[in-house]
Amino acid sequence: QQVEGAEAVVQQCLEISPQQSDLVE
């Protein structure tokens, strides 16, 4: 339930590799 932290990490991951449809979802 650390949603803000999870969002920041997902955003960082998408910045590295934006073509990850699972992460976009």
mmCIF file of all heavy atoms, coordinates in Angstrom:
data_MODEL
# 
_entry.id   MODEL 
# 
loop_
_atom_site.group_PDB 
_atom_site.id 
_atom_site.type_symbol 
_atom_site.label_atom_id 
_atom_site.label_alt_id 
_atom_site.label_comp_id 
_atom_site.label_asym_id 
_atom_site.label_entity_id 
_atom_site.label_seq_id 
_atom_site.pdbx_PDB_ins_code 
_atom_site.Cartn_x 
_atom_site.Cartn_y 
_atom_site.Cartn_z 
_atom_site.occupancy 
_atom_site.B_iso_or_equiv 
_atom_site.pdbx_formal_charge 
_atom_site.auth_seq_id 
_atom_site.auth_comp_id 
_atom_site.auth_asym_id 
_atom_site.auth_atom_id 
_atom_site.pdbx_PDB_model_num 
ATOM 1   N N   . GLN A 1 1  ? 0.800  -1.227 0.000   1.00 0.00 ? 1  GLN A N   1 
ATOM 2   C CA  . GLN A 1 1  ? 0.000  0.000  0.000   1.00 0.00 ? 1  GLN A CA  1 
ATOM 3   C C   . GLN A 1 1  ? 0.832  1.275  0.000   1.00 0.00 ? 1  GLN A C   1 
ATOM 4   O O   . GLN A 1 1  ? 0.398  2.315  0.488   1.00 0.00 ? 1  GLN A O   1 
ATOM 5   C CB  . GLN A 1 1  ? -0.976 0.004  1.198   1.00 0.00 ? 1  GLN A CB  1 
ATOM 6   C CG  . GLN A 1 1  ? -1.798 -1.259 1.370   1.00 0.00 ? 1  GLN A CG  1 
ATOM 7   C CD  . GLN A 1 1  ? -2.524 -1.694 0.104   1.00 0.00 ? 1  GLN A CD  1 
ATOM 8   O OE1 . GLN A 1 1  ? -3.112 -0.890 -0.585  1.00 0.00 ? 1  GLN A OE1 1 
ATOM 9   N NE2 . GLN A 1 1  ? -2.449 -2.976 -0.212  1.00 0.00 ? 1  GLN A NE2 1 
ATOM 10  N N   . GLN A 1 2  ? 2.045  1.206  -0.539  1.00 0.00 ? 2  GLN A N   1 
ATOM 11  C CA  . GLN A 1 2  ? 2.888  2.391  -0.682  1.00 0.00 ? 2  GLN A CA  1 
ATOM 12  C C   . GLN A 1 2  ? 2.771  2.859  -2.135  1.00 0.00 ? 2  GLN A C   1 
ATOM 13  O O   . GLN A 1 2  ? 3.707  2.793  -2.921  1.00 0.00 ? 2  GLN A O   1 
ATOM 14  C CB  . GLN A 1 2  ? 4.324  2.065  -0.299  1.00 0.00 ? 2  GLN A CB  1 
ATOM 15  C CG  . GLN A 1 2  ? 4.460  1.659  1.161   1.00 0.00 ? 2  GLN A CG  1 
ATOM 16  C CD  . GLN A 1 2  ? 5.879  1.260  1.515   1.00 0.00 ? 2  GLN A CD  1 
ATOM 17  O OE1 . GLN A 1 2  ? 6.844  1.681  0.895   1.00 0.00 ? 2  GLN A OE1 1 
ATOM 18  N NE2 . GLN A 1 2  ? 6.018  0.432  2.540   1.00 0.00 ? 2  GLN A NE2 1 
ATOM 19  N N   . VAL A 1 3  ? 1.570  3.334  -2.454  1.00 0.00 ? 3  VAL A N   1 
ATOM 20  C CA  . VAL A 1 3  ? 1.187  3.606  -3.836  1.00 0.00 ? 3  VAL A CA  1 
ATOM 21  C C   . VAL A 1 3  ? 2.013  4.735  -4.455  1.00 0.00 ? 3  VAL A C   1 
ATOM 22  O O   . VAL A 1 3  ? 2.433  4.639  -5.611  1.00 0.00 ? 3  VAL A O   1 
ATOM 23  C CB  . VAL A 1 3  ? -0.327 3.902  -3.914  1.00 0.00 ? 3  VAL A CB  1 
ATOM 24  C CG1 . VAL A 1 3  ? -0.772 4.134  -5.342  1.00 0.00 ? 3  VAL A CG1 1 
ATOM 25  C CG2 . VAL A 1 3  ? -1.117 2.751  -3.305  1.00 0.00 ? 3  VAL A CG2 1 
ATOM 26  N N   . GLU A 1 4  ? 2.266  5.783  -3.706  1.00 0.00 ? 4  GLU A N   1 
ATOM 27  C CA  . GLU A 1 4  ? 3.062  6.883  -4.255  1.00 0.00 ? 4  GLU A CA  1 
ATOM 28  C C   . GLU A 1 4  ? 4.473  6.431  -4.608  1.00 0.00 ? 4  GLU A C   1 
ATOM 29  O O   . GLU A 1 4  ? 5.000  6.780  -5.665  1.00 0.00 ? 4  GLU A O   1 
ATOM 30  C CB  . GLU A 1 4  ? 3.119  8.059  -3.275  1.00 0.00 ? 4  GLU A CB  1 
ATOM 31  C CG  . GLU A 1 4  ? 1.867  8.900  -3.276  1.00 0.00 ? 4  GLU A CG  1 
ATOM 32  C CD  . GLU A 1 4  ? 2.024  10.145 -2.409  1.00 0.00 ? 4  GLU A CD  1 
ATOM 33  O OE1 . GLU A 1 4  ? 3.104  10.767 -2.428  1.00 0.00 ? 4  GLU A OE1 1 
ATOM 34  O OE2 . GLU A 1 4  ? 1.042  10.488 -1.730  1.00 0.00 ? 4  GLU A OE2 1 
ATOM 35  N N   . GLY A 1 5  ? 5.075  5.672  -3.720  1.00 0.00 ? 5  GLY A N   1 
ATOM 36  C CA  . GLY A 1 5  ? 6.416  5.149  -4.000  1.00 0.00 ? 5  GLY A CA  1 
ATOM 37  C C   . GLY A 1 5  ? 6.416  4.216  -5.195  1.00 0.00 ? 5  GLY A C   1 
ATOM 38  O O   . GLY A 1 5  ? 7.309  4.268  -6.041  1.00 0.00 ? 5  GLY A O   1 
ATOM 39  N N   . ALA A 1 6  ? 5.386  3.377  -5.286  1.00 0.00 ? 6  ALA A N   1 
ATOM 40  C CA  . ALA A 1 6  ? 5.272  2.460  -6.424  1.00 0.00 ? 6  ALA A CA  1 
ATOM 41  C C   . ALA A 1 6  ? 5.119  3.247  -7.722  1.00 0.00 ? 6  ALA A C   1 
ATOM 42  O O   . ALA A 1 6  ? 5.736  2.909  -8.734  1.00 0.00 ? 6  ALA A O   1 
ATOM 43  C CB  . ALA A 1 6  ? 4.094  1.517  -6.229  1.00 0.00 ? 6  ALA A CB  1 
ATOM 44  N N   . GLU A 1 7  ? 4.322  4.290  -7.687  1.00 0.00 ? 7  GLU A N   1 
ATOM 45  C CA  . GLU A 1 7  ? 4.136  5.120  -8.886  1.00 0.00 ? 7  GLU A CA  1 
ATOM 46  C C   . GLU A 1 7  ? 5.461  5.729  -9.337  1.00 0.00 ? 7  GLU A C   1 
ATOM 47  O O   . GLU A 1 7  ? 5.791  5.727  -10.529 1.00 0.00 ? 7  GLU A O   1 
ATOM 48  C CB  . GLU A 1 7  ? 3.128  6.238  -8.622  1.00 0.00 ? 7  GLU A CB  1 
ATOM 49  C CG  . GLU A 1 7  ? 2.958  7.156  -9.818  1.00 0.00 ? 7  GLU A CG  1 
ATOM 50  C CD  . GLU A 1 7  ? 2.215  8.455  -9.502  1.00 0.00 ? 7  GLU A CD  1 
ATOM 51  O OE1 . GLU A 1 7  ? 1.680  8.609  -8.386  1.00 0.00 ? 7  GLU A OE1 1 
ATOM 52  O OE2 . GLU A 1 7  ? 2.199  9.324  -10.393 1.00 0.00 ? 7  GLU A OE2 1 
ATOM 53  N N   . ALA A 1 8  ? 6.227  6.248  -8.396  1.00 0.00 ? 8  ALA A N   1 
ATOM 54  C CA  . ALA A 1 8  ? 7.515  6.862  -8.742  1.00 0.00 ? 8  ALA A CA  1 
ATOM 55  C C   . ALA A 1 8  ? 8.464  5.843  -9.382  1.00 0.00 ? 8  ALA A C   1 
ATOM 56  O O   . ALA A 1 8  ? 9.166  6.153  -10.354 1.00 0.00 ? 8  ALA A O   1 
ATOM 57  C CB  . ALA A 1 8  ? 8.155  7.479  -7.495  1.00 0.00 ? 8  ALA A CB  1 
ATOM 58  N N   . VAL A 1 9  ? 8.463  4.623  -8.864  1.00 0.00 ? 9  VAL A N   1 
ATOM 59  C CA  . VAL A 1 9  ? 9.345  3.581  -9.406  1.00 0.00 ? 9  VAL A CA  1 
ATOM 60  C C   . VAL A 1 9  ? 8.873  3.155  -10.794 1.00 0.00 ? 9  VAL A C   1 
ATOM 61  O O   . VAL A 1 9  ? 9.684  2.979  -11.708 1.00 0.00 ? 9  VAL A O   1 
ATOM 62  C CB  . VAL A 1 9  ? 9.432  2.375  -8.440  1.00 0.00 ? 9  VAL A CB  1 
ATOM 63  C CG1 . VAL A 1 9  ? 10.196 1.235  -9.066  1.00 0.00 ? 9  VAL A CG1 1 
ATOM 64  C CG2 . VAL A 1 9  ? 10.093 2.798  -7.132  1.00 0.00 ? 9  VAL A CG2 1 
ATOM 65  N N   . VAL A 1 10 ? 7.564  3.012  -10.975 1.00 0.00 ? 10 VAL A N   1 
ATOM 66  C CA  . VAL A 1 10 ? 7.032  2.650  -12.288 1.00 0.00 ? 10 VAL A CA  1 
ATOM 67  C C   . VAL A 1 10 ? 7.368  3.744  -13.301 1.00 0.00 ? 10 VAL A C   1 
ATOM 68  O O   . VAL A 1 10 ? 7.768  3.456  -14.437 1.00 0.00 ? 10 VAL A O   1 
ATOM 69  C CB  . VAL A 1 10 ? 5.512  2.391  -12.223 1.00 0.00 ? 10 VAL A CB  1 
ATOM 70  C CG1 . VAL A 1 10 ? 4.906  2.307  -13.611 1.00 0.00 ? 10 VAL A CG1 1 
ATOM 71  C CG2 . VAL A 1 10 ? 5.230  1.104  -11.455 1.00 0.00 ? 10 VAL A CG2 1 
ATOM 72  N N   . GLN A 1 11 ? 7.239  4.984  -12.882 1.00 0.00 ? 11 GLN A N   1 
ATOM 73  C CA  . GLN A 1 11 ? 7.570  6.098  -13.781 1.00 0.00 ? 11 GLN A CA  1 
ATOM 74  C C   . GLN A 1 11 ? 9.049  6.063  -14.164 1.00 0.00 ? 11 GLN A C   1 
ATOM 75  O O   . GLN A 1 11 ? 9.407  6.250  -15.323 1.00 0.00 ? 11 GLN A O   1 
ATOM 76  C CB  . GLN A 1 11 ? 7.227  7.431  -13.109 1.00 0.00 ? 11 GLN A CB  1 
ATOM 77  C CG  . GLN A 1 11 ? 7.365  8.613  -14.034 1.00 0.00 ? 11 GLN A CG  1 
ATOM 78  C CD  . GLN A 1 11 ? 6.817  9.893  -13.412 1.00 0.00 ? 11 GLN A CD  1 
ATOM 79  O OE1 . GLN A 1 11 ? 6.535  9.951  -12.211 1.00 0.00 ? 11 GLN A OE1 1 
ATOM 80  N NE2 . GLN A 1 11 ? 6.670  10.911 -14.221 1.00 0.00 ? 11 GLN A NE2 1 
ATOM 81  N N   . GLN A 1 12 ? 9.916  5.776  -13.196 1.00 0.00 ? 12 GLN A N   1 
ATOM 82  C CA  . GLN A 1 12 ? 11.347 5.662  -13.470 1.00 0.00 ? 12 GLN A CA  1 
ATOM 83  C C   . GLN A 1 12 ? 11.612 4.533  -14.473 1.00 0.00 ? 12 GLN A C   1 
ATOM 84  O O   . GLN A 1 12 ? 12.400 4.687  -15.405 1.00 0.00 ? 12 GLN A O   1 
ATOM 85  C CB  . GLN A 1 12 ? 12.100 5.392  -12.160 1.00 0.00 ? 12 GLN A CB  1 
ATOM 86  C CG  . GLN A 1 12 ? 13.601 5.292  -12.307 1.00 0.00 ? 12 GLN A CG  1 
ATOM 87  C CD  . GLN A 1 12 ? 14.289 4.979  -10.980 1.00 0.00 ? 12 GLN A CD  1 
ATOM 88  O OE1 . GLN A 1 12 ? 13.656 4.819  -9.935  1.00 0.00 ? 12 GLN A OE1 1 
ATOM 89  N NE2 . GLN A 1 12 ? 15.596 4.862  -11.018 1.00 0.00 ? 12 GLN A NE2 1 
ATOM 90  N N   . CYS A 1 13 ? 10.927 3.427  -14.300 1.00 0.00 ? 13 CYS A N   1 
ATOM 91  C CA  . CYS A 1 13 ? 11.089 2.289  -15.195 1.00 0.00 ? 13 CYS A CA  1 
ATOM 92  C C   . CYS A 1 13 ? 10.614 2.633  -16.608 1.00 0.00 ? 13 CYS A C   1 
ATOM 93  O O   . CYS A 1 13 ? 11.247 2.271  -17.600 1.00 0.00 ? 13 CYS A O   1 
ATOM 94  C CB  . CYS A 1 13 ? 10.315 1.097  -14.638 1.00 0.00 ? 13 CYS A CB  1 
ATOM 95  S SG  . CYS A 1 13 ? 10.737 -0.481 -15.389 1.00 0.00 ? 13 CYS A SG  1 
ATOM 96  N N   . LEU A 1 14 ? 9.502  3.363  -16.694 1.00 0.00 ? 14 LEU A N   1 
ATOM 97  C CA  . LEU A 1 14 ? 8.988  3.760  -18.007 1.00 0.00 ? 14 LEU A CA  1 
ATOM 98  C C   . LEU A 1 14 ? 9.897  4.775  -18.690 1.00 0.00 ? 14 LEU A C   1 
ATOM 99  O O   . LEU A 1 14 ? 9.971  4.811  -19.919 1.00 0.00 ? 14 LEU A O   1 
ATOM 100 C CB  . LEU A 1 14 ? 7.568  4.323  -17.868 1.00 0.00 ? 14 LEU A CB  1 
ATOM 101 C CG  . LEU A 1 14 ? 6.482  3.274  -17.629 1.00 0.00 ? 14 LEU A CG  1 
ATOM 102 C CD1 . LEU A 1 14 ? 5.162  3.940  -17.260 1.00 0.00 ? 14 LEU A CD1 1 
ATOM 103 C CD2 . LEU A 1 14 ? 6.324  2.379  -18.848 1.00 0.00 ? 14 LEU A CD2 1 
ATOM 104 N N   . GLU A 1 15 ? 10.593 5.587  -17.910 1.00 0.00 ? 15 GLU A N   1 
ATOM 105 C CA  . GLU A 1 15 ? 11.550 6.530  -18.498 1.00 0.00 ? 15 GLU A CA  1 
ATOM 106 C C   . GLU A 1 15 ? 12.720 5.787  -19.136 1.00 0.00 ? 15 GLU A C   1 
ATOM 107 O O   . GLU A 1 15 ? 13.269 6.221  -20.133 1.00 0.00 ? 15 GLU A O   1 
ATOM 108 C CB  . GLU A 1 15 ? 12.037 7.520  -17.442 1.00 0.00 ? 15 GLU A CB  1 
ATOM 109 C CG  . GLU A 1 15 ? 10.984 8.531  -17.036 1.00 0.00 ? 15 GLU A CG  1 
ATOM 110 C CD  . GLU A 1 15 ? 11.372 9.377  -15.827 1.00 0.00 ? 15 GLU A CD  1 
ATOM 111 O OE1 . GLU A 1 15 ? 12.492 9.195  -15.287 1.00 0.00 ? 15 GLU A OE1 1 
ATOM 112 O OE2 . GLU A 1 15 ? 10.540 10.192 -15.405 1.00 0.00 ? 15 GLU A OE2 1 
ATOM 113 N N   . ILE A 1 16 ? 13.078 4.653  -18.561 1.00 0.00 ? 16 ILE A N   1 
ATOM 114 C CA  . ILE A 1 16 ? 14.171 3.844  -19.107 1.00 0.00 ? 16 ILE A CA  1 
ATOM 115 C C   . ILE A 1 16 ? 13.704 3.102  -20.360 1.00 0.00 ? 16 ILE A C   1 
ATOM 116 O O   . ILE A 1 16 ? 14.411 3.043  -21.356 1.00 0.00 ? 16 ILE A O   1 
ATOM 117 C CB  . ILE A 1 16 ? 14.677 2.832  -18.054 1.00 0.00 ? 16 ILE A CB  1 
ATOM 118 C CG1 . ILE A 1 16 ? 15.334 3.568  -16.890 1.00 0.00 ? 16 ILE A CG1 1 
ATOM 119 C CG2 . ILE A 1 16 ? 15.647 1.834  -18.676 1.00 0.00 ? 16 ILE A CG2 1 
ATOM 120 C CD1 . ILE A 1 16 ? 15.643 2.692  -15.696 1.00 0.00 ? 16 ILE A CD1 1 
ATOM 121 N N   . SER A 1 17 ? 12.504 2.542  -20.278 1.00 0.00 ? 17 SER A N   1 
ATOM 122 C CA  . SER A 1 17 ? 11.986 1.730  -21.379 1.00 0.00 ? 17 SER A CA  1 
ATOM 123 C C   . SER A 1 17 ? 10.478 1.952  -21.502 1.00 0.00 ? 17 SER A C   1 
ATOM 124 O O   . SER A 1 17 ? 9.692  1.247  -20.872 1.00 0.00 ? 17 SER A O   1 
ATOM 125 C CB  . SER A 1 17 ? 12.299 0.251  -21.113 1.00 0.00 ? 17 SER A CB  1 
ATOM 126 O OG  . SER A 1 17 ? 11.827 -0.549 -22.140 1.00 0.00 ? 17 SER A OG  1 
ATOM 127 N N   . PRO A 1 18 ? 10.070 2.932  -22.303 1.00 0.00 ? 18 PRO A N   1 
ATOM 128 C CA  . PRO A 1 18 ? 8.654  3.315  -22.356 1.00 0.00 ? 18 PRO A CA  1 
ATOM 129 C C   . PRO A 1 18 ? 7.725  2.329  -23.082 1.00 0.00 ? 18 PRO A C   1 
ATOM 130 O O   . PRO A 1 18 ? 6.522  2.474  -23.009 1.00 0.00 ? 18 PRO A O   1 
ATOM 131 C CB  . PRO A 1 18 ? 8.674  4.660  -23.075 1.00 0.00 ? 18 PRO A CB  1 
ATOM 132 C CG  . PRO A 1 18 ? 9.966  4.735  -23.776 1.00 0.00 ? 18 PRO A CG  1 
ATOM 133 C CD  . PRO A 1 18 ? 10.914 3.820  -23.066 1.00 0.00 ? 18 PRO A CD  1 
ATOM 134 N N   . GLN A 1 19 ? 8.264  1.330  -23.754 1.00 0.00 ? 19 GLN A N   1 
ATOM 135 C CA  . GLN A 1 19 ? 7.424  0.413  -24.520 1.00 0.00 ? 19 GLN A CA  1 
ATOM 136 C C   . GLN A 1 19 ? 6.886  -0.750 -23.696 1.00 0.00 ? 19 GLN A C   1 
ATOM 137 O O   . GLN A 1 19 ? 6.553  -1.791 -24.246 1.00 0.00 ? 19 GLN A O   1 
ATOM 138 C CB  . GLN A 1 19 ? 8.197  -0.159 -25.723 1.00 0.00 ? 19 GLN A CB  1 
ATOM 139 C CG  . GLN A 1 19 ? 8.496  0.842  -26.809 1.00 0.00 ? 19 GLN A CG  1 
ATOM 140 C CD  . GLN A 1 19 ? 9.689  1.721  -26.467 1.00 0.00 ? 19 GLN A CD  1 
ATOM 141 O OE1 . GLN A 1 19 ? 10.531 1.365  -25.668 1.00 0.00 ? 19 GLN A OE1 1 
ATOM 142 N NE2 . GLN A 1 19 ? 9.740  2.900  -27.056 1.00 0.00 ? 19 GLN A NE2 1 
ATOM 143 N N   . GLN A 1 20 ? 6.762  -0.612 -22.414 1.00 0.00 ? 20 GLN A N   1 
ATOM 144 C CA  . GLN A 1 20 ? 6.311  -1.700 -21.543 1.00 0.00 ? 20 GLN A CA  1 
ATOM 145 C C   . GLN A 1 20 ? 4.823  -1.527 -21.248 1.00 0.00 ? 20 GLN A C   1 
ATOM 146 O O   . GLN A 1 20 ? 4.455  -0.850 -20.292 1.00 0.00 ? 20 GLN A O   1 
ATOM 147 C CB  . GLN A 1 20 ? 7.114  -1.712 -20.246 1.00 0.00 ? 20 GLN A CB  1 
ATOM 148 C CG  . GLN A 1 20 ? 8.619  -1.861 -20.476 1.00 0.00 ? 20 GLN A CG  1 
ATOM 149 C CD  . GLN A 1 20 ? 9.362  -1.738 -19.186 1.00 0.00 ? 20 GLN A CD  1 
ATOM 150 O OE1 . GLN A 1 20 ? 9.396  -2.677 -18.400 1.00 0.00 ? 20 GLN A OE1 1 
ATOM 151 N NE2 . GLN A 1 20 ? 9.969  -0.583 -18.957 1.00 0.00 ? 20 GLN A NE2 1 
ATOM 152 N N   . SER A 1 21 ? 3.979  -2.134 -22.064 1.00 0.00 ? 21 SER A N   1 
ATOM 153 C CA  . SER A 1 21 ? 2.538  -1.937 -21.924 1.00 0.00 ? 21 SER A CA  1 
ATOM 154 C C   . SER A 1 21 ? 2.020  -2.367 -20.549 1.00 0.00 ? 21 SER A C   1 
ATOM 155 O O   . SER A 1 21 ? 1.108  -1.740 -20.009 1.00 0.00 ? 21 SER A O   1 
ATOM 156 C CB  . SER A 1 21 ? 1.777  -2.660 -23.032 1.00 0.00 ? 21 SER A CB  1 
ATOM 157 O OG  . SER A 1 21 ? 2.059  -4.042 -22.998 1.00 0.00 ? 21 SER A OG  1 
ATOM 158 N N   . ASP A 1 22 ? 2.609  -3.416 -19.977 1.00 0.00 ? 22 ASP A N   1 
ATOM 159 C CA  . ASP A 1 22 ? 2.175  -3.844 -18.646 1.00 0.00 ? 22 ASP A CA  1 
ATOM 160 C C   . ASP A 1 22 ? 2.429  -2.763 -17.604 1.00 0.00 ? 22 ASP A C   1 
ATOM 161 O O   . ASP A 1 22 ? 1.627  -2.540 -16.703 1.00 0.00 ? 22 ASP A O   1 
ATOM 162 C CB  . ASP A 1 22 ? 2.854  -5.152 -18.240 1.00 0.00 ? 22 ASP A CB  1 
ATOM 163 C CG  . ASP A 1 22 ? 4.377  -5.055 -18.184 1.00 0.00 ? 22 ASP A CG  1 
ATOM 164 O OD1 . ASP A 1 22 ? 4.975  -4.328 -19.011 1.00 0.00 ? 22 ASP A OD1 1 
ATOM 165 O OD2 . ASP A 1 22 ? 4.988  -5.710 -17.316 1.00 0.00 ? 22 ASP A OD2 1 
ATOM 166 N N   . LEU A 1 23 ? 3.544  -2.052 -17.761 1.00 0.00 ? 23 LEU A N   1 
ATOM 167 C CA  . LEU A 1 23 ? 3.855  -0.979 -16.809 1.00 0.00 ? 23 LEU A CA  1 
ATOM 168 C C   . LEU A 1 23 ? 3.000  0.244  -17.040 1.00 0.00 ? 23 LEU A C   1 
ATOM 169 O O   . LEU A 1 23 ? 2.662  0.955  -16.088 1.00 0.00 ? 23 LEU A O   1 
ATOM 170 C CB  . LEU A 1 23 ? 5.330  -0.589 -16.898 1.00 0.00 ? 23 LEU A CB  1 
ATOM 171 C CG  . LEU A 1 23 ? 6.276  -1.428 -16.063 1.00 0.00 ? 23 LEU A CG  1 
ATOM 172 C CD1 . LEU A 1 23 ? 7.694  -0.910 -16.159 1.00 0.00 ? 23 LEU A CD1 1 
ATOM 173 C CD2 . LEU A 1 23 ? 5.851  -1.515 -14.623 1.00 0.00 ? 23 LEU A CD2 1 
ATOM 174 N N   . VAL A 1 24 ? 2.643  0.516  -18.278 1.00 0.00 ? 24 VAL A N   1 
ATOM 175 C CA  . VAL A 1 24 ? 1.747  1.644  -18.554 1.00 0.00 ? 24 VAL A CA  1 
ATOM 176 C C   . VAL A 1 24 ? 0.423  1.397  -17.842 1.00 0.00 ? 24 VAL A C   1 
ATOM 177 O O   . VAL A 1 24 ? -0.118 2.302  -17.175 1.00 0.00 ? 24 VAL A O   1 
ATOM 178 C CB  . VAL A 1 24 ? 1.545  1.839  -20.076 1.00 0.00 ? 24 VAL A CB  1 
ATOM 179 C CG1 . VAL A 1 24 ? 0.461  2.869  -20.351 1.00 0.00 ? 24 VAL A CG1 1 
ATOM 180 C CG2 . VAL A 1 24 ? 2.848  2.250  -20.746 1.00 0.00 ? 24 VAL A CG2 1 
ATOM 181 N N   . GLU A 1 25 ? -0.089 0.174  -17.942 1.00 0.00 ? 25 GLU A N   1 
ATOM 182 C CA  . GLU A 1 25 ? -1.333 -0.174 -17.254 1.00 0.00 ? 25 GLU A CA  1 
ATOM 183 C C   . GLU A 1 25 ? -1.176 -0.044 -15.736 1.00 0.00 ? 25 GLU A C   1 
ATOM 184 O O   . GLU A 1 25 ? -2.065 0.465  -15.051 1.00 0.00 ? 25 GLU A O   1 
ATOM 185 C CB  . GLU A 1 25 ? -1.755 -1.596 -17.615 1.00 0.00 ? 25 GLU A CB  1 
ATOM 186 C CG  . GLU A 1 25 ? -2.177 -1.750 -19.057 1.00 0.00 ? 25 GLU A CG  1 
ATOM 187 C CD  . GLU A 1 25 ? -2.416 -3.197 -19.446 1.00 0.00 ? 25 GLU A CD  1 
ATOM 188 O OE1 . GLU A 1 25 ? -2.528 -4.063 -18.547 1.00 0.00 ? 25 GLU A OE1 1 
ATOM 189 O OE2 . GLU A 1 25 ? -2.490 -3.455 -20.658 1.00 0.00 ? 25 GLU A OE2 1 
# 
